[in-house]
Amino acid sequence: MPYKKHRSVFKRMRQNAKRRERNRIVRGSMRAVLRAIRTQKTLEDVFERLSWKFPVENREELLKIAVAKMYSSVDKALKKGVIHRNKAARHKAQIARWAKRMAQMQ
């Protein structure tokens, strides 16, 4: 509990709790993507790990959609201020390297 008993202090505590929960969810979804591309060997395994399903037959299109969705999760974390812009750039570079590796495996 705060030292002071002002209404503004309690309001700030409520705001911090909401933001902490939102940040935890956004950071968790971003980390799930990064963990999946580090640990899984194939594109299908990554989709299975992330529980993603897209009705696309072509593997190249599937990879494009996956990369866009991964970039989106990193950009959302950046936009909400959960991560620094340099960290976002580093994660997007990791995703790009993974996508290049997946494209070469075809």
Protein backbone atom coordinates (compact mmCIF):
# COMPACT_ATOMS: atom_id res chain seq x y z
CA MET A 1 0.00 0.00 0.00
CA PRO A 2 1.19 3.51 -0.70
CA TYR A 3 2.41 5.79 2.00
CA LYS A 4 0.05 8.59 1.03
CA LYS A 5 -3.69 8.10 0.98
CA HIS A 6 -4.53 10.42 -1.89
CA ARG A 7 -7.09 9.42 -4.48
CA SER A 8 -4.57 10.08 -7.24
CA VAL A 9 -2.20 7.52 -5.74
CA PHE A 10 -4.85 4.82 -5.81
CA LYS A 11 -5.84 5.76 -9.35
CA ARG A 12 -2.21 5.49 -10.42
CA MET A 13 -2.02 2.05 -8.80
CA ARG A 14 -5.08 0.92 -10.77
CA GLN A 15 -3.59 2.25 -14.00
CA ASN A 16 -0.28 0.53 -13.33
CA ALA A 17 -2.01 -2.80 -12.70
CA LYS A 18 -3.93 -2.57 -16.00
CA ARG A 19 -0.82 -1.59 -17.94
CA ARG A 20 1.29 -4.29 -16.32
CA GLU A 21 -1.26 -6.93 -17.35
CA ARG A 22 -1.48 -5.58 -20.90
CA ASN A 23 2.31 -5.46 -21.21
CA ARG A 24 2.59 -9.02 -19.94
CA ILE A 25 0.16 -10.29 -22.57
CA VAL A 26 1.78 -8.37 -25.44
CA ARG A 27 5.30 -9.39 -24.40
CA GLY A 28 4.19 -13.01 -23.97
CA SER A 29 2.73 -13.24 -27.48
CA MET A 30 5.90 -11.74 -28.95
CA ARG A 31 8.10 -14.12 -26.98
CA ALA A 32 6.01 -17.10 -28.10
CA VAL A 33 6.76 -16.25 -31.72
CA LEU A 34 10.48 -15.84 -31.09
CA ARG A 35 10.64 -19.03 -29.03
CA ALA A 36 8.87 -20.95 -31.79
CA ILE A 37 11.29 -19.87 -34.50
CA ARG A 38 14.27 -20.68 -32.31
CA THR A 39 13.17 -24.15 -31.25
CA GLN A 40 11.17 -25.54 -34.17
CA LYS A 41 12.91 -26.86 -37.26
CA THR A 42 10.21 -26.63 -39.94
CA LEU A 43 7.55 -24.13 -40.91
CA GLU A 44 4.82 -26.63 -40.10
CA ASP A 45 6.23 -27.15 -36.59
CA VAL A 46 6.23 -23.39 -36.00
CA PHE A 47 2.59 -23.17 -37.08
CA GLU A 48 1.69 -26.07 -34.84
CA ARG A 49 3.53 -24.55 -31.87
CA LEU A 50 1.78 -21.20 -32.33
CA SER A 51 -1.61 -22.82 -33.14
CA TRP A 52 -1.85 -20.87 -36.41
CA LYS A 53 -3.96 -22.15 -39.29
CA PHE A 54 -4.10 -20.50 -42.70
CA PRO A 55 -6.00 -21.89 -45.71
CA VAL A 56 -3.06 -21.50 -48.10
CA GLU A 57 -1.66 -24.39 -50.12
CA ASN A 58 1.45 -22.65 -51.45
CA ARG A 59 4.40 -22.78 -49.05
CA GLU A 60 5.78 -19.41 -50.20
CA GLU A 61 2.48 -17.68 -49.49
CA LEU A 62 2.31 -19.40 -46.13
CA LEU A 63 5.77 -18.11 -45.26
CA LYS A 64 4.83 -14.56 -46.29
CA ILE A 65 1.72 -14.63 -44.12
CA ALA A 66 3.69 -16.05 -41.18
CA VAL A 67 6.39 -13.39 -41.42
CA ALA A 68 3.78 -10.62 -41.62
CA LYS A 69 2.02 -11.96 -38.54
CA MET A 70 5.32 -12.26 -36.66
CA TYR A 71 6.33 -8.72 -37.60
CA SER A 72 2.93 -7.55 -36.45
CA SER A 73 3.39 -9.01 -32.97
CA VAL A 74 6.77 -7.27 -32.62
CA ASP A 75 5.39 -3.97 -33.96
CA LYS A 76 2.47 -4.08 -31.53
CA ALA A 77 4.87 -4.48 -28.62
CA LEU A 78 6.91 -1.54 -29.93
CA LYS A 79 3.85 0.65 -30.49
CA LYS A 80 2.57 0.03 -26.97
CA GLY A 81 5.97 0.87 -25.48
CA VAL A 82 6.62 -2.62 -24.14
CA ILE A 83 10.00 -2.90 -25.90
CA HIS A 84 12.62 -0.44 -27.19
CA ARG A 85 12.85 0.24 -30.92
CA ASN A 86 16.32 -1.29 -31.17
CA LYS A 87 15.07 -4.49 -29.57
CA ALA A 88 12.17 -4.55 -32.02
CA ALA A 89 14.60 -4.14 -34.92
CA ARG A 90 16.74 -6.98 -33.57
CA HIS A 91 13.74 -9.30 -33.27
CA LYS A 92 12.54 -8.44 -36.77
CA ALA A 93 16.02 -9.22 -38.09
CA GLN A 94 15.87 -12.61 -36.34
CA ILE A 95 12.52 -13.28 -37.98
CA ALA A 96 13.92 -12.26 -41.38
CA ARG A 97 16.89 -14.61 -40.98
CA TRP A 98 14.54 -17.43 -40.02
CA ALA A 99 12.32 -16.73 -43.04
CA LYS A 100 15.33 -16.80 -45.34
CA ARG A 101 16.37 -20.14 -43.89
CA MET A 102 12.85 -21.53 -44.34
CA ALA A 103 12.72 -20.29 -47.95
CA GLN A 104 16.02 -22.03 -48.72
CA MET A 105 14.78 -25.31 -47.24
CA GLN A 106 12.12 -25.66 -49.95
